Every structure is written in C-alpha cells, then in structure tokens.
Amino acid sequence: MTGNTQMLAGDAALLHDVEAHDEHHDDGSKTTLGFWIYLMSDCILFAAVFASFAVLRGQTAGGPDAKELFSLPYVAGETACLLLSSFTYGMAMIAAERQQRSATLRWLGVTLALGLGFMFMELHEFAELIAEGAGPDRSAFLSSFFTLVGTHGLHVLSGMVWMVVLMAHVLRRGLTQANIVRLTCLSLFWHFLDIVWIGVFTIVYLTGVAA
C-alpha cells in the first residue's frame, strides 16, 4: 500500500512538472507572438519614414545632395559594425540555449561594443553634417534623411539599453526560461534593425551617391 502511495505521489509530481513546463512554454510562445506583432507595427513606422524620404529626396532647396554629402567607405564601416553585431548576438543565443552563462554574457558584451561603435560613427556623421551647414533644417531632403536615420539610431540605442538590462538579469538570475524568452525577443528586434539598416544603406546611401 505504501509503495502504491509513493508511486501515485511520484506520478502526481511528474504531472505537475510537465504542466508547469507546458505553462512556461505557452507563456514564452505568447510573449514571442506579442513581440512579432510589435515588430509588424514597427515595420509600418519604418515604411512611413522610408516613403517620406523617397518623396523628399530630390527636394534639396539648392543645397547639397547625397553625392556631395555621404562617404560610402565611412558608412560601410557603420554597416560592418551592425552586421557583425547580428552575428555575435546569434552566438550569444547559441550559448544561451546551451546554458553557457559566461559565454552568453561575453557574446552580448561584444554585441554591445559593436552597437556602441555603430552609434558613435552615426553621431559623428550627424555632427559633421551639421557643422558643414547640412542640418535637418537645411532642406526637405536633409530633414527626411535625419528623420529616417535618426529613427533607426534611436531603435539601436533602445536595443542596447535593453541588452544591458538583460545582461544584468542573466548575471543575477542565470539563464532561466524567462530570460531566454527575453533574449529571443531582443534577438528578433536586433536582427530586424539590421534588415532595416540594409534598406537604409541601399536606398539612402548607395542609390544617393550613384544618382
């Protein structure tokens, strides 16, 4: 009788663990789905600023155009920083799935450093343009340029702040299921920003200089 009782208790505990795991899995799936919905709304935002730039790119008001202002080698350096950060974040996710906390934090640190490098280069570019008299108030073209690139930059900045917060969570609590879900959401966000930047690089810089 005692053996049967222990067996039933063991089965009940196992069932509870399975149900708890399923509940956590469902919560993670809902969180990820919700974040996909947010990304779709962000797509609409970027589509709007891209469209504004496309309409206003020729409105230079007699001022400098893209060919006169932009340095492709410099922007290629920015692009390299951001694309490499996407790779290093992917390595962080691989380490997280393997429950390698130290490796996860190291790769996140490298990603953060690359993001900081990108932001520094972008802010330097903005400062140089403004110093040359090519600020956002110079023409509709420059206004739309600063709006598009600045909107992307603000997203990168928010992603880096989020990354620092998640690094603190992982350092304090480890690679819990909740933290892995959060890292996954940030991964989606970070890769999304890379895709948007490829669009910026192609439409704003490449076609602008080639025009």
Protein backbone atom coordinates (compact mmCIF):
# COMPACT_ATOMS: atom_id res chain seq x y z
CA MET A 1 0.00 0.00 0.00
CA THR A 2 2.82 2.34 0.92
CA GLY A 3 4.54 1.55 -2.40
CA ASN A 4 1.38 2.40 -4.33
CA THR A 5 1.03 5.66 -2.42
CA GLN A 6 4.62 6.62 -3.21
CA MET A 7 4.09 5.72 -6.87
CA LEU A 8 0.97 7.87 -7.04
CA ALA A 9 2.78 10.73 -5.35
CA GLY A 10 5.64 10.42 -7.83
CA ASP A 11 3.23 10.39 -10.77
CA ALA A 12 1.47 13.46 -9.40
CA ALA A 13 4.78 15.30 -9.01
CA LEU A 14 5.80 14.36 -12.55
CA LEU A 15 2.46 15.54 -13.90
CA HIS A 16 2.84 18.81 -12.03
CA ASP A 17 6.32 19.34 -13.52
CA VAL A 18 5.05 18.62 -17.03
CA GLU A 19 2.12 21.01 -16.58
CA ALA A 20 4.43 23.70 -15.20
CA HIS A 21 6.81 23.25 -18.15
CA ASP A 22 3.92 23.45 -20.62
CA GLU A 23 2.63 26.57 -18.88
CA HIS A 24 6.04 28.26 -19.12
CA HIS A 25 6.31 27.19 -22.77
CA ASP A 26 2.86 28.66 -23.52
CA ASP A 27 3.79 31.93 -21.76
CA GLY A 28 7.01 32.13 -23.79
CA SER A 29 5.14 31.49 -27.04
CA LYS A 30 2.60 34.20 -26.22
CA THR A 31 5.37 36.67 -25.39
CA THR A 32 7.19 35.92 -28.65
CA LEU A 33 3.96 36.21 -30.65
CA GLY A 34 3.19 39.53 -29.00
CA PHE A 35 6.64 40.77 -29.89
CA TRP A 36 6.17 39.74 -33.53
CA ILE A 37 3.03 41.90 -33.54
CA TYR A 38 5.06 44.81 -32.17
CA LEU A 39 7.66 44.31 -34.93
CA MET A 40 4.92 44.48 -37.54
CA SER A 41 3.85 47.85 -36.15
CA ASP A 42 7.48 48.96 -36.30
CA CYS A 43 7.55 47.88 -39.95
CA ILE A 44 4.70 50.30 -40.61
CA LEU A 45 6.64 53.10 -38.88
CA PHE A 46 9.76 52.50 -40.96
CA ALA A 47 7.71 52.11 -44.14
CA ALA A 48 6.28 55.59 -43.48
CA VAL A 49 9.68 57.24 -42.96
CA PHE A 50 11.15 55.41 -45.97
CA ALA A 51 8.22 56.66 -48.07
CA SER A 52 8.73 60.22 -46.81
CA PHE A 53 12.40 60.04 -47.74
CA ALA A 54 11.58 58.69 -51.21
CA VAL A 55 9.23 61.61 -51.83
CA LEU A 56 11.56 64.30 -50.46
CA ARG A 57 14.98 63.05 -51.54
CA GLY A 58 15.07 65.41 -54.53
CA GLN A 59 13.98 68.47 -52.55
CA THR A 60 17.43 69.88 -51.79
CA ALA A 61 16.37 73.56 -51.93
CA GLY A 62 19.55 74.38 -53.81
CA GLY A 63 21.65 72.77 -51.09
CA PRO A 64 23.94 69.73 -51.14
CA ASP A 65 22.64 66.37 -52.29
CA ALA A 66 23.58 62.83 -51.27
CA LYS A 67 26.51 62.61 -53.68
CA GLU A 68 28.10 65.68 -52.14
CA LEU A 69 27.49 64.70 -48.52
CA PHE A 70 27.95 60.99 -48.00
CA SER A 71 31.14 58.93 -47.80
CA LEU A 72 30.44 55.33 -48.75
CA PRO A 73 33.60 53.89 -47.10
CA TYR A 74 32.61 55.53 -43.80
CA VAL A 75 29.04 54.24 -43.99
CA ALA A 76 30.38 50.81 -44.95
CA GLY A 77 32.23 50.83 -41.62
CA GLU A 78 28.97 51.56 -39.80
CA THR A 79 27.29 48.75 -41.72
CA ALA A 80 30.07 46.30 -40.87
CA CYS A 81 29.68 47.08 -37.15
CA LEU A 82 25.94 46.43 -37.23
CA LEU A 83 26.13 43.27 -39.36
CA LEU A 84 28.88 41.82 -37.16
CA SER A 85 26.76 42.59 -34.09
CA SER A 86 23.98 40.48 -35.59
CA PHE A 87 26.41 37.55 -35.88
CA THR A 88 27.71 37.97 -32.33
CA TYR A 89 24.16 38.14 -30.97
CA GLY A 90 23.44 34.88 -32.77
CA MET A 91 26.45 33.36 -30.98
CA ALA A 92 25.06 34.64 -27.68
CA MET A 93 21.76 32.87 -28.37
CA ILE A 94 23.56 29.60 -29.17
CA ALA A 95 25.43 29.88 -25.87
CA ALA A 96 22.18 30.67 -24.02
CA GLU A 97 20.43 27.61 -25.44
CA ARG A 98 23.38 25.53 -24.18
CA GLN A 99 23.08 27.13 -20.72
CA GLN A 100 26.56 28.65 -21.00
CA ARG A 101 26.08 31.81 -18.97
CA SER A 102 29.65 33.15 -19.18
CA ALA A 103 29.80 32.68 -22.96
CA THR A 104 26.37 34.30 -23.34
CA LEU A 105 27.49 37.36 -21.40
CA ARG A 106 30.74 37.59 -23.35
CA TRP A 107 28.99 37.50 -26.72
CA LEU A 108 26.40 40.02 -25.52
CA GLY A 109 29.26 42.26 -24.42
CA VAL A 110 30.85 42.06 -27.88
CA THR A 111 27.46 42.82 -29.45
CA LEU A 112 27.03 45.82 -27.18
CA ALA A 113 30.51 47.11 -28.08
CA LEU A 114 29.74 46.83 -31.80
CA GLY A 115 26.44 48.63 -31.25
CA LEU A 116 28.26 51.41 -29.42
CA GLY A 117 30.73 51.64 -32.30
CA PHE A 118 27.86 51.99 -34.75
CA MET A 119 26.19 54.69 -32.67
CA PHE A 120 29.45 56.62 -32.25
CA MET A 121 30.03 56.62 -36.02
CA GLU A 122 26.46 57.68 -36.72
CA LEU A 123 26.56 60.54 -34.22
CA HIS A 124 29.91 61.64 -35.64
CA GLU A 125 28.37 61.66 -39.13
CA PHE A 126 25.46 63.78 -37.90
CA ALA A 127 27.81 66.22 -36.15
CA GLU A 128 29.94 66.58 -39.29
CA LEU A 129 26.91 67.26 -41.48
CA ILE A 130 25.53 69.87 -39.09
CA ALA A 131 28.96 71.53 -38.82
CA GLU A 132 29.01 71.81 -42.62
CA GLY A 133 25.64 73.55 -42.59
CA ALA A 134 23.78 70.44 -43.75
CA GLY A 135 21.49 70.06 -40.75
CA PRO A 136 17.87 68.88 -40.82
CA ASP A 137 16.64 72.46 -41.27
CA ARG A 138 18.65 72.99 -44.48
CA SER A 139 16.23 71.23 -46.85
CA ALA A 140 13.37 68.75 -47.02
CA PHE A 141 15.86 66.14 -48.25
CA LEU A 142 18.07 66.53 -45.19
CA SER A 143 15.07 66.69 -42.87
CA SER A 144 13.82 63.33 -44.19
CA PHE A 145 17.37 61.91 -44.03
CA PHE A 146 17.86 62.83 -40.38
CA THR A 147 14.37 61.54 -39.55
CA LEU A 148 14.93 58.15 -41.19
CA VAL A 149 18.47 57.51 -39.98
CA GLY A 150 17.74 59.06 -36.57
CA THR A 151 14.68 56.86 -36.06
CA HIS A 152 16.78 53.79 -36.76
CA GLY A 153 19.50 55.09 -34.43
CA LEU A 154 17.02 55.58 -31.59
CA HIS A 155 15.89 52.00 -32.05
CA VAL A 156 19.50 50.79 -31.87
CA LEU A 157 20.01 52.84 -28.70
CA SER A 158 16.89 51.35 -27.10
CA GLY A 159 18.10 47.88 -28.09
CA MET A 160 21.42 48.49 -26.35
CA VAL A 161 19.70 49.69 -23.17
CA TRP A 162 17.53 46.56 -23.28
CA MET A 163 20.67 44.47 -23.78
CA VAL A 164 22.34 45.93 -20.69
CA VAL A 165 19.22 45.19 -18.63
CA LEU A 166 19.12 41.60 -19.89
CA MET A 167 22.82 41.12 -19.16
CA ALA A 168 22.13 42.18 -15.57
CA HIS A 169 19.20 39.72 -15.40
CA VAL A 170 21.34 36.85 -16.72
CA LEU A 171 24.19 37.73 -14.37
CA ARG A 172 21.88 37.79 -11.36
CA ARG A 173 19.37 35.02 -12.15
CA GLY A 174 21.08 32.87 -14.75
CA LEU A 175 19.67 31.51 -17.99
CA THR A 176 16.14 30.86 -16.80
CA GLN A 177 13.40 30.11 -19.30
CA ALA A 178 12.03 33.62 -18.83
CA ASN A 179 15.42 35.16 -19.57
CA ILE A 180 15.86 33.02 -22.69
CA VAL A 181 12.46 34.23 -23.93
CA ARG A 182 13.57 37.82 -23.31
CA LEU A 183 16.84 37.19 -25.13
CA THR A 184 14.88 35.70 -28.03
CA CYS A 185 12.67 38.79 -28.29
CA LEU A 186 15.72 41.06 -28.27
CA SER A 187 17.27 38.83 -30.93
CA LEU A 188 14.26 39.40 -33.19
CA PHE A 189 14.48 43.14 -32.56
CA TRP A 190 18.23 43.33 -33.19
CA HIS A 191 18.10 41.33 -36.44
CA PHE A 192 15.12 43.43 -37.55
CA LEU A 193 17.21 46.59 -37.10
CA ASP A 194 19.95 45.03 -39.22
CA ILE A 195 17.46 44.41 -42.03
CA VAL A 196 16.19 47.98 -41.78
CA TRP A 197 19.75 49.30 -41.92
CA ILE A 198 20.45 47.32 -45.08
CA GLY A 199 17.47 49.16 -46.56
CA VAL A 200 18.84 52.49 -45.34
CA PHE A 201 22.31 51.74 -46.71
CA THR A 202 20.92 50.73 -50.09
CA ILE A 203 18.22 53.36 -50.58
CA VAL A 204 19.78 56.35 -48.85
CA TYR A 205 23.50 55.94 -49.38
CA LEU A 206 24.15 53.64 -52.35
CA THR A 207 21.46 54.96 -54.66
CA GLY A 208 22.02 58.51 -53.41
CA VAL A 209 25.72 58.52 -54.23
CA ALA A 210 25.15 56.70 -57.53
CA ALA A 211 22.40 59.09 -58.68
